Amino acid sequence: MNVLGISGSLRKGSFNTATLRAAQAAAPAGMKIEIGEIADLPVYNGDLDNDQSRPQSVKTFVAKIAAADAVLIATPEYNYSIPGGLKNAIDWASRGKPQPFQGKPVAILGASMGVLGTARAQYHLRQVFVFLDAHVLNKPEIFIGKAQDKFDGEGKLTDEATRQLIGAQLEALAGWTRRLKG
């Protein structure tokens, strides 16, 4: 099972990218998680959204989503919502033909330094994915609050309870993906 991991943070020392690396380590047997890049996607511009002008970085990103069996999104929360870079990536992908999120299993988790651990951003992502007809995994939800206390200085997850939750979510995503594929 091939899963595309997308970090909503562009920061080099991102807790969310570190969360995706922890997910790679916790992936159940038979699951491979590739971390996709969104930093090189230009700001969405409808004038570039055609076969002649669409940037190669966008084509590559859309193709990776389409090829994945499922998507795992690790999002920070900026100003109570989805980070602009992540929303931009989703907006570009939503213009793909065919639209690559349609029918795709998606799991969401997120890490932040605050207590709520990206709960509001995850809620907003769920709303976006309703429109895109993706199949978001309902549980377990993972809100990694006070992330600065759960990762070491090198970005390695040190909190065992969080590691177990990530493992449980990946098991659930694997089951959800198999169920949706029939």
N, C-alpha and C. Protein backbone atom coordinates (compact mmCIF):
# COMPACT_ATOMS: atom_id res chain seq x y z
N MET A 1 0.85 -1.18 0.00
CA MET A 1 0.00 0.00 0.00
C MET A 1 0.89 1.23 0.00
N ASN A 2 0.72 2.07 -1.00
CA ASN A 2 1.51 3.29 -1.13
C ASN A 2 0.72 4.49 -0.64
N VAL A 3 1.28 5.19 0.34
CA VAL A 3 0.64 6.35 0.94
C VAL A 3 1.52 7.57 0.65
N LEU A 4 0.88 8.64 0.20
CA LEU A 4 1.59 9.90 0.01
C LEU A 4 1.39 10.75 1.25
N GLY A 5 2.48 11.09 1.92
CA GLY A 5 2.44 11.98 3.08
C GLY A 5 2.67 13.41 2.62
N ILE A 6 1.84 14.32 3.11
CA ILE A 6 1.96 15.73 2.77
C ILE A 6 2.05 16.52 4.07
N SER A 7 3.15 17.26 4.21
CA SER A 7 3.29 18.15 5.37
C SER A 7 2.80 19.52 4.97
N GLY A 8 1.93 20.09 5.79
CA GLY A 8 1.42 21.43 5.54
C GLY A 8 2.36 22.53 5.96
N SER A 9 3.52 22.16 6.47
CA SER A 9 4.50 23.14 6.91
C SER A 9 5.68 23.16 5.95
N LEU A 10 6.16 24.34 5.64
CA LEU A 10 7.32 24.50 4.77
C LEU A 10 8.61 24.68 5.58
N ARG A 11 8.48 24.79 6.89
CA ARG A 11 9.61 25.07 7.78
C ARG A 11 10.57 23.88 7.84
N LYS A 12 11.87 24.15 7.76
CA LYS A 12 12.88 23.09 7.79
C LYS A 12 12.75 22.22 9.04
N GLY A 13 12.55 22.81 10.19
CA GLY A 13 12.44 22.07 11.44
C GLY A 13 11.01 21.76 11.83
N SER A 14 10.15 21.57 10.86
CA SER A 14 8.72 21.38 11.09
C SER A 14 8.40 20.16 11.94
N PHE A 15 7.55 20.36 12.95
CA PHE A 15 7.04 19.24 13.73
C PHE A 15 6.14 18.34 12.87
N ASN A 16 5.47 18.91 11.89
CA ASN A 16 4.58 18.12 11.05
C ASN A 16 5.34 17.25 10.07
N THR A 17 6.42 17.75 9.52
CA THR A 17 7.27 16.91 8.69
C THR A 17 7.91 15.82 9.55
N ALA A 18 8.31 16.18 10.76
CA ALA A 18 8.85 15.19 11.69
C ALA A 18 7.79 14.14 12.03
N THR A 19 6.53 14.55 12.11
CA THR A 19 5.44 13.60 12.36
C THR A 19 5.31 12.62 11.20
N LEU A 20 5.48 13.11 9.98
CA LEU A 20 5.43 12.19 8.83
C LEU A 20 6.60 11.21 8.85
N ARG A 21 7.76 11.67 9.28
CA ARG A 21 8.90 10.74 9.41
C ARG A 21 8.61 9.69 10.48
N ALA A 22 7.96 10.12 11.57
CA ALA A 22 7.57 9.15 12.61
C ALA A 22 6.55 8.17 12.05
N ALA A 23 5.65 8.65 11.19
CA ALA A 23 4.66 7.77 10.56
C ALA A 23 5.36 6.76 9.65
N GLN A 24 6.38 7.19 8.92
CA GLN A 24 7.13 6.24 8.09
C GLN A 24 7.69 5.10 8.93
N ALA A 25 8.21 5.45 10.10
CA ALA A 25 8.79 4.44 10.99
C ALA A 25 7.72 3.55 11.61
N ALA A 26 6.51 4.08 11.80
CA ALA A 26 5.43 3.33 12.46
C ALA A 26 4.52 2.62 11.47
N ALA A 27 4.79 2.74 10.18
CA ALA A 27 3.90 2.16 9.17
C ALA A 27 3.80 0.65 9.35
N PRO A 28 2.57 0.13 9.25
CA PRO A 28 2.41 -1.32 9.37
C PRO A 28 3.02 -2.04 8.18
N ALA A 29 3.22 -3.33 8.35
CA ALA A 29 3.77 -4.15 7.27
C ALA A 29 2.94 -3.97 6.00
N GLY A 30 3.64 -3.79 4.90
CA GLY A 30 2.96 -3.64 3.62
C GLY A 30 2.61 -2.21 3.26
N MET A 31 2.88 -1.25 4.14
CA MET A 31 2.58 0.15 3.87
C MET A 31 3.90 0.91 3.71
N LYS A 32 3.98 1.69 2.63
CA LYS A 32 5.12 2.57 2.39
C LYS A 32 4.61 3.99 2.32
N ILE A 33 5.25 4.89 3.06
CA ILE A 33 4.85 6.30 3.06
C ILE A 33 5.95 7.12 2.40
N GLU A 34 5.60 7.78 1.30
CA GLU A 34 6.50 8.71 0.62
C GLU A 34 6.08 10.12 1.02
N ILE A 35 7.03 10.96 1.36
CA ILE A 35 6.71 12.34 1.71
C ILE A 35 6.82 13.20 0.45
N GLY A 36 5.69 13.80 0.07
CA GLY A 36 5.65 14.66 -1.10
C GLY A 36 6.00 16.08 -0.72
N GLU A 37 6.47 16.83 -1.68
CA GLU A 37 6.88 18.22 -1.46
C GLU A 37 5.84 19.20 -2.00
N ILE A 38 5.58 20.25 -1.23
CA ILE A 38 4.68 21.31 -1.70
C ILE A 38 5.37 22.66 -1.77
N ALA A 39 6.61 22.74 -1.29
CA ALA A 39 7.30 24.03 -1.23
C ALA A 39 7.57 24.63 -2.60
N ASP A 40 7.68 23.80 -3.62
CA ASP A 40 8.00 24.32 -4.94
C ASP A 40 6.78 24.61 -5.80
N LEU A 41 5.59 24.49 -5.23
CA LEU A 41 4.37 24.80 -5.98
C LEU A 41 4.16 26.31 -5.99
N PRO A 42 3.96 26.90 -7.16
CA PRO A 42 3.69 28.34 -7.18
C PRO A 42 2.30 28.63 -6.60
N VAL A 43 2.07 29.87 -6.26
CA VAL A 43 0.74 30.26 -5.80
C VAL A 43 -0.23 30.01 -6.95
N TYR A 44 -1.39 29.42 -6.61
CA TYR A 44 -2.36 29.08 -7.66
C TYR A 44 -2.72 30.32 -8.48
N ASN A 45 -2.70 30.14 -9.78
CA ASN A 45 -3.05 31.20 -10.72
C ASN A 45 -3.82 30.55 -11.85
N GLY A 46 -5.09 30.88 -11.99
CA GLY A 46 -5.92 30.31 -13.03
C GLY A 46 -5.38 30.51 -14.43
N ASP A 47 -4.56 31.55 -14.63
CA ASP A 47 -3.98 31.76 -15.95
C ASP A 47 -2.95 30.68 -16.30
N LEU A 48 -2.40 30.02 -15.29
CA LEU A 48 -1.43 28.94 -15.52
C LEU A 48 -2.09 27.56 -15.52
N ASP A 49 -3.38 27.54 -15.25
CA ASP A 49 -4.09 26.27 -15.09
C ASP A 49 -4.65 25.79 -16.43
N ASN A 50 -3.70 25.43 -17.30
CA ASN A 50 -4.07 24.84 -18.59
C ASN A 50 -2.92 23.93 -19.02
N ASP A 51 -3.19 23.07 -19.99
CA ASP A 51 -2.20 22.08 -20.38
C ASP A 51 -0.88 22.67 -20.85
N GLN A 52 -0.89 23.86 -21.42
CA GLN A 52 0.33 24.47 -21.93
C GLN A 52 1.15 25.17 -20.83
N SER A 53 0.49 25.70 -19.81
CA SER A 53 1.19 26.54 -18.83
C SER A 53 1.34 25.92 -17.44
N ARG A 54 0.65 24.82 -17.16
CA ARG A 54 0.70 24.24 -15.82
C ARG A 54 2.14 23.88 -15.45
N PRO A 55 2.63 24.36 -14.34
CA PRO A 55 4.01 24.09 -13.93
C PRO A 55 4.26 22.59 -13.73
N GLN A 56 5.47 22.16 -14.05
CA GLN A 56 5.84 20.75 -13.90
C GLN A 56 5.71 20.30 -12.44
N SER A 57 6.02 21.18 -11.49
CA SER A 57 5.90 20.80 -10.07
C SER A 57 4.46 20.45 -9.73
N VAL A 58 3.51 21.13 -10.34
CA VAL A 58 2.10 20.84 -10.11
C VAL A 58 1.74 19.49 -10.74
N LYS A 59 2.17 19.27 -11.97
CA LYS A 59 1.88 18.00 -12.65
C LYS A 59 2.42 16.82 -11.85
N THR A 60 3.64 16.98 -11.34
CA THR A 60 4.26 15.91 -10.54
C THR A 60 3.47 15.67 -9.26
N PHE A 61 3.08 16.73 -8.58
CA PHE A 61 2.33 16.62 -7.33
C PHE A 61 0.99 15.92 -7.56
N VAL A 62 0.27 16.34 -8.58
CA VAL A 62 -1.03 15.74 -8.89
C VAL A 62 -0.86 14.26 -9.24
N ALA A 63 0.18 13.93 -10.00
CA ALA A 63 0.43 12.54 -10.38
C ALA A 63 0.73 11.68 -9.15
N LYS A 64 1.45 12.24 -8.19
CA LYS A 64 1.76 11.47 -6.97
C LYS A 64 0.50 11.19 -6.16
N ILE A 65 -0.39 12.17 -6.09
CA ILE A 65 -1.66 11.94 -5.38
C ILE A 65 -2.46 10.85 -6.10
N ALA A 66 -2.55 10.98 -7.41
CA ALA A 66 -3.32 10.03 -8.21
C ALA A 66 -2.77 8.61 -8.07
N ALA A 67 -1.46 8.47 -8.01
CA ALA A 67 -0.84 7.16 -7.94
C ALA A 67 -0.91 6.52 -6.55
N ALA A 68 -1.08 7.33 -5.53
CA ALA A 68 -1.10 6.82 -4.15
C ALA A 68 -2.40 6.07 -3.87
N ASP A 69 -2.30 5.06 -3.03
CA ASP A 69 -3.50 4.35 -2.57
C ASP A 69 -4.25 5.18 -1.55
N ALA A 70 -3.52 6.00 -0.81
CA ALA A 70 -4.11 6.85 0.24
C ALA A 70 -3.20 8.05 0.47
N VAL A 71 -3.72 9.05 1.17
CA VAL A 71 -2.96 10.26 1.48
C VAL A 71 -3.00 10.48 2.99
N LEU A 72 -1.86 10.87 3.55
CA LEU A 72 -1.72 11.20 4.97
C LEU A 72 -1.25 12.65 5.05
N ILE A 73 -2.06 13.50 5.66
CA ILE A 73 -1.72 14.92 5.76
C ILE A 73 -1.40 15.27 7.20
N ALA A 74 -0.22 15.86 7.39
CA ALA A 74 0.18 16.39 8.70
C ALA A 74 0.16 17.91 8.59
N THR A 75 -0.75 18.53 9.31
CA THR A 75 -0.93 19.97 9.16
C THR A 75 -0.66 20.74 10.43
N PRO A 76 0.04 21.86 10.32
CA PRO A 76 0.05 22.82 11.43
C PRO A 76 -1.26 23.61 11.40
N GLU A 77 -1.41 24.52 12.32
CA GLU A 77 -2.57 25.39 12.34
C GLU A 77 -2.08 26.83 12.37
N TYR A 78 -2.47 27.60 11.37
CA TYR A 78 -2.10 29.01 11.30
C TYR A 78 -3.37 29.84 11.42
N ASN A 79 -3.41 30.71 12.40
CA ASN A 79 -4.55 31.61 12.58
C ASN A 79 -5.88 30.86 12.58
N TYR A 80 -5.91 29.76 13.32
CA TYR A 80 -7.10 28.94 13.51
C TYR A 80 -7.50 28.16 12.26
N SER A 81 -6.62 27.99 11.27
CA SER A 81 -7.05 27.33 10.04
C SER A 81 -5.89 26.65 9.32
N ILE A 82 -6.15 26.30 8.06
CA ILE A 82 -5.22 25.59 7.19
C ILE A 82 -4.10 26.54 6.77
N PRO A 83 -2.85 26.10 6.83
CA PRO A 83 -1.76 26.94 6.35
C PRO A 83 -1.91 27.23 4.85
N GLY A 84 -1.50 28.42 4.45
CA GLY A 84 -1.65 28.84 3.07
C GLY A 84 -0.97 27.92 2.07
N GLY A 85 0.23 27.44 2.39
CA GLY A 85 0.94 26.55 1.47
C GLY A 85 0.19 25.25 1.23
N LEU A 86 -0.39 24.69 2.29
CA LEU A 86 -1.15 23.45 2.15
C LEU A 86 -2.43 23.69 1.36
N LYS A 87 -3.12 24.77 1.67
CA LYS A 87 -4.35 25.09 0.93
C LYS A 87 -4.04 25.31 -0.54
N ASN A 88 -2.93 25.98 -0.83
CA ASN A 88 -2.51 26.20 -2.20
C ASN A 88 -2.27 24.87 -2.92
N ALA A 89 -1.58 23.95 -2.25
CA ALA A 89 -1.31 22.63 -2.84
C ALA A 89 -2.61 21.89 -3.14
N ILE A 90 -3.54 21.94 -2.21
CA ILE A 90 -4.83 21.28 -2.42
C ILE A 90 -5.59 21.95 -3.56
N ASP A 91 -5.53 23.27 -3.62
CA ASP A 91 -6.21 23.99 -4.70
C ASP A 91 -5.65 23.59 -6.06
N TRP A 92 -4.32 23.52 -6.18
CA TRP A 92 -3.73 23.08 -7.44
C TRP A 92 -4.18 21.66 -7.78
N ALA A 93 -4.08 20.77 -6.79
CA ALA A 93 -4.43 19.37 -7.05
C ALA A 93 -5.90 19.22 -7.44
N SER A 94 -6.75 20.06 -6.86
CA SER A 94 -8.19 19.94 -7.14
C SER A 94 -8.52 20.24 -8.59
N ARG A 95 -7.59 20.86 -9.29
CA ARG A 95 -7.81 21.21 -10.69
C ARG A 95 -7.33 20.10 -11.63
N GLY A 96 -6.75 19.04 -11.07
CA GLY A 96 -6.28 17.94 -11.90
C GLY A 96 -7.43 17.26 -12.62
N LYS A 97 -7.12 16.67 -13.75
CA LYS A 97 -8.13 15.96 -14.54
C LYS A 97 -7.63 14.56 -14.80
N PRO A 98 -8.21 13.56 -14.16
CA PRO A 98 -9.29 13.66 -13.19
C PRO A 98 -8.80 14.22 -11.85
N GLN A 99 -9.73 14.71 -11.07
CA GLN A 99 -9.42 15.29 -9.77
C GLN A 99 -8.90 14.17 -8.86
N PRO A 100 -7.64 14.22 -8.41
CA PRO A 100 -7.02 13.07 -7.77
C PRO A 100 -7.49 12.73 -6.36
N PHE A 101 -8.16 13.65 -5.69
CA PHE A 101 -8.65 13.35 -4.34
C PHE A 101 -9.99 12.62 -4.36
N GLN A 102 -10.68 12.64 -5.48
CA GLN A 102 -12.01 12.02 -5.55
C GLN A 102 -11.91 10.53 -5.25
N GLY A 103 -12.63 10.11 -4.22
CA GLY A 103 -12.65 8.71 -3.82
C GLY A 103 -11.42 8.25 -3.08
N LYS A 104 -10.47 9.14 -2.82
CA LYS A 104 -9.19 8.78 -2.21
C LYS A 104 -9.32 8.72 -0.68
N PRO A 105 -8.83 7.66 -0.05
CA PRO A 105 -8.77 7.64 1.41
C PRO A 105 -7.74 8.66 1.91
N VAL A 106 -8.12 9.44 2.92
CA VAL A 106 -7.25 10.48 3.46
C VAL A 106 -7.28 10.39 4.99
N ALA A 107 -6.12 10.46 5.60
CA ALA A 107 -6.03 10.57 7.06
C ALA A 107 -5.35 11.89 7.38
N ILE A 108 -5.77 12.51 8.46
CA ILE A 108 -5.26 13.82 8.86
C ILE A 108 -4.74 13.73 10.30
N LEU A 109 -3.61 14.35 10.54
CA LEU A 109 -3.08 14.52 11.88
C LEU A 109 -2.32 15.83 11.89
N GLY A 110 -1.92 16.29 13.04
CA GLY A 110 -1.20 17.55 13.06
C GLY A 110 -0.55 17.81 14.40
N ALA A 111 0.51 18.59 14.34
CA ALA A 111 1.28 18.94 15.53
C ALA A 111 1.43 20.45 15.62
N SER A 112 1.32 20.95 16.84
CA SER A 112 1.55 22.38 17.07
C SER A 112 2.08 22.57 18.49
N MET A 113 2.59 23.75 18.73
CA MET A 113 3.09 24.07 20.05
C MET A 113 1.96 24.42 21.01
N GLY A 114 0.78 24.67 20.50
CA GLY A 114 -0.36 24.99 21.32
C GLY A 114 -0.99 23.75 21.93
N VAL A 115 -1.94 23.97 22.81
CA VAL A 115 -2.59 22.88 23.53
C VAL A 115 -3.54 22.07 22.64
N LEU A 116 -4.23 22.73 21.71
CA LEU A 116 -5.24 22.04 20.90
C LEU A 116 -4.67 21.21 19.76
N GLY A 117 -3.41 21.37 19.44
CA GLY A 117 -2.78 20.51 18.47
C GLY A 117 -3.44 20.46 17.11
N THR A 118 -3.80 21.56 16.52
CA THR A 118 -4.31 21.70 15.14
C THR A 118 -5.75 21.23 14.95
N ALA A 119 -6.52 21.19 16.00
CA ALA A 119 -7.92 20.72 15.89
C ALA A 119 -8.73 21.55 14.90
N ARG A 120 -8.56 22.86 14.93
CA ARG A 120 -9.36 23.71 14.04
C ARG A 120 -8.92 23.56 12.59
N ALA A 121 -7.63 23.48 12.33
CA ALA A 121 -7.13 23.29 10.97
C ALA A 121 -7.62 21.95 10.42
N GLN A 122 -7.60 20.93 11.25
CA GLN A 122 -8.06 19.62 10.79
C GLN A 122 -9.54 19.65 10.46
N TYR A 123 -10.32 20.35 11.24
CA TYR A 123 -11.75 20.48 10.96
C TYR A 123 -11.96 21.17 9.61
N HIS A 124 -11.20 22.23 9.35
CA HIS A 124 -11.33 22.93 8.08
C HIS A 124 -10.89 22.06 6.91
N LEU A 125 -9.84 21.25 7.11
CA LEU A 125 -9.43 20.32 6.06
C LEU A 125 -10.53 19.31 5.75
N ARG A 126 -11.19 18.84 6.78
CA ARG A 126 -12.29 17.90 6.57
C ARG A 126 -13.37 18.55 5.70
N GLN A 127 -13.66 19.82 5.93
CA GLN A 127 -14.65 20.52 5.12
C GLN A 127 -14.21 20.61 3.66
N VAL A 128 -12.95 20.92 3.42
CA VAL A 128 -12.43 21.00 2.06
C VAL A 128 -12.56 19.64 1.37
N PHE A 129 -12.24 18.57 2.09
CA PHE A 129 -12.26 17.25 1.48
C PHE A 129 -13.67 16.72 1.24
N VAL A 130 -14.65 17.26 1.94
CA VAL A 130 -16.05 16.93 1.59
C VAL A 130 -16.32 17.39 0.17
N PHE A 131 -15.94 18.63 -0.15
CA PHE A 131 -16.17 19.15 -1.49
C PHE A 131 -15.40 18.35 -2.54
N LEU A 132 -14.19 17.91 -2.19
CA LEU A 132 -13.36 17.17 -3.14
C LEU A 132 -13.72 15.70 -3.23
N ASP A 133 -14.71 15.28 -2.47
CA ASP A 133 -15.21 13.90 -2.49
C ASP A 133 -14.14 12.88 -2.09
N ALA A 134 -13.25 13.30 -1.19
CA ALA A 134 -12.29 12.37 -0.62
C ALA A 134 -12.97 11.65 0.54
N HIS A 135 -12.40 10.53 0.95
CA HIS A 135 -12.96 9.75 2.05
C HIS A 135 -12.02 9.86 3.26
N VAL A 136 -12.31 10.84 4.11
CA VAL A 136 -11.45 11.11 5.26
C VAL A 136 -11.73 10.10 6.38
N LEU A 137 -10.66 9.53 6.89
CA LEU A 137 -10.74 8.60 8.01
C LEU A 137 -11.24 9.37 9.24
N ASN A 138 -12.26 8.86 9.89
CA ASN A 138 -12.83 9.55 11.04
C ASN A 138 -12.02 9.38 12.31
N LYS A 139 -11.55 8.18 12.59
CA LYS A 139 -10.86 7.91 13.86
C LYS A 139 -9.75 6.90 13.63
N PRO A 140 -8.71 6.96 14.41
CA PRO A 140 -8.48 7.90 15.50
C PRO A 140 -8.02 9.26 15.00
N GLU A 141 -8.48 10.29 15.68
CA GLU A 141 -8.01 11.65 15.41
C GLU A 141 -6.73 11.85 16.21
N ILE A 142 -5.79 12.59 15.62
CA ILE A 142 -4.53 12.83 16.31
C ILE A 142 -4.24 14.33 16.32
N PHE A 143 -4.27 14.90 17.50
CA PHE A 143 -3.97 16.32 17.71
C PHE A 143 -2.75 16.37 18.63
N ILE A 144 -1.58 16.59 18.06
CA ILE A 144 -0.34 16.58 18.85
C ILE A 144 -0.10 17.99 19.39
N GLY A 145 -0.57 18.23 20.60
CA GLY A 145 -0.37 19.50 21.26
C GLY A 145 0.96 19.52 21.99
N LYS A 146 1.47 20.74 22.23
CA LYS A 146 2.76 20.91 22.91
C LYS A 146 3.85 20.06 22.25
N ALA A 147 3.89 20.14 20.93
CA ALA A 147 4.82 19.32 20.15
C ALA A 147 6.27 19.52 20.57
N GLN A 148 6.61 20.70 21.03
CA GLN A 148 7.99 20.98 21.44
C GLN A 148 8.43 20.05 22.58
N ASP A 149 7.48 19.48 23.30
CA ASP A 149 7.79 18.55 24.39
C ASP A 149 7.78 17.09 23.94
N LYS A 150 7.41 16.83 22.68
CA LYS A 150 7.25 15.46 22.20
C LYS A 150 8.26 15.07 21.13
N PHE A 151 9.06 16.04 20.70
CA PHE A 151 10.12 15.80 19.72
C PHE A 151 11.43 16.30 20.30
N ASP A 152 12.52 15.60 19.96
CA ASP A 152 13.82 16.08 20.44
C ASP A 152 14.36 17.14 19.48
N GLY A 153 15.55 17.64 19.75
CA GLY A 153 16.15 18.69 18.96
C GLY A 153 16.45 18.31 17.52
N GLU A 154 16.48 17.02 17.24
CA GLU A 154 16.74 16.54 15.88
C GLU A 154 15.46 16.18 15.14
N GLY A 155 14.31 16.45 15.78
CA GLY A 155 13.03 16.18 15.13
C GLY A 155 12.54 14.75 15.26
N LYS A 156 13.10 14.02 16.19
CA LYS A 156 12.67 12.63 16.41
C LYS A 156 11.57 12.61 17.47
N LEU A 157 10.49 11.90 17.17
CA LEU A 157 9.40 11.76 18.12
C LEU A 157 9.86 10.96 19.33
N THR A 158 9.70 11.54 20.51
CA THR A 158 10.14 10.88 21.75
C THR A 158 8.97 10.43 22.61
N ASP A 159 7.77 10.83 22.28
CA ASP A 159 6.59 10.52 23.10
C ASP A 159 5.97 9.20 22.64
N GLU A 160 6.04 8.20 23.50
CA GLU A 160 5.57 6.86 23.14
C GLU A 160 4.06 6.82 22.90
N ALA A 161 3.28 7.54 23.69
CA ALA A 161 1.83 7.54 23.50
C ALA A 161 1.47 8.10 22.11
N THR A 162 2.16 9.13 21.68
CA THR A 162 1.91 9.70 20.35
C THR A 162 2.32 8.71 19.27
N ARG A 163 3.45 8.04 19.46
CA ARG A 163 3.90 7.03 18.50
C ARG A 163 2.85 5.93 18.35
N GLN A 164 2.28 5.51 19.45
CA GLN A 164 1.25 4.46 19.40
C GLN A 164 -0.01 4.95 18.69
N LEU A 165 -0.39 6.20 18.94
CA LEU A 165 -1.56 6.77 18.24
C LEU A 165 -1.33 6.84 16.73
N ILE A 166 -0.13 7.23 16.33
CA ILE A 166 0.18 7.29 14.90
C ILE A 166 0.10 5.88 14.30
N GLY A 167 0.65 4.91 15.00
CA GLY A 167 0.56 3.52 14.53
C GLY A 167 -0.88 3.06 14.40
N ALA A 168 -1.71 3.42 15.37
CA ALA A 168 -3.13 3.04 15.32
C ALA A 168 -3.84 3.72 14.15
N GLN A 169 -3.51 4.99 13.91
CA GLN A 169 -4.13 5.68 12.79
C GLN A 169 -3.71 5.04 11.46
N LEU A 170 -2.46 4.66 11.34
CA LEU A 170 -2.00 4.04 10.10
C LEU A 170 -2.64 2.67 9.89
N GLU A 171 -2.82 1.92 10.95
CA GLU A 171 -3.55 0.63 10.84
C GLU A 171 -4.97 0.89 10.37
N ALA A 172 -5.61 1.90 10.95
CA ALA A 172 -6.98 2.24 10.55
C ALA A 172 -7.03 2.72 9.11
N LEU A 173 -6.03 3.51 8.69
CA LEU A 173 -5.98 3.96 7.31
C LEU A 173 -5.81 2.78 6.35
N ALA A 174 -4.98 1.84 6.72
CA ALA A 174 -4.80 0.65 5.87
C ALA A 174 -6.12 -0.11 5.73
N GLY A 175 -6.82 -0.30 6.84
CA GLY A 175 -8.11 -0.98 6.79
C GLY A 175 -9.14 -0.20 5.99
N TRP A 176 -9.16 1.12 6.17
CA TRP A 176 -10.09 2.00 5.46
C TRP A 176 -9.83 1.94 3.96
N THR A 177 -8.55 1.96 3.60
CA THR A 177 -8.17 1.91 2.18
C THR A 177 -8.59 0.58 1.56
N ARG A 178 -8.33 -0.52 2.26
CA ARG A 178 -8.75 -1.83 1.74
C ARG A 178 -10.27 -1.90 1.59
N ARG A 179 -10.98 -1.36 2.57
CA ARG A 179 -12.45 -1.39 2.53
C ARG A 179 -12.97 -0.58 1.33
N LEU A 180 -12.41 0.61 1.10
CA LEU A 180 -12.87 1.45 0.01
C LEU A 180 -12.52 0.87 -1.36
N LYS A 181 -11.41 0.14 -1.43
CA LYS A 181 -11.01 -0.45 -2.70
C LYS A 181 -11.84 -1.70 -3.01
N GLY A 182 -12.58 -2.18 -2.00
CA GLY A 182 -13.49 -3.31 -2.21
C GLY A 182 -12.78 -4.61 -2.33
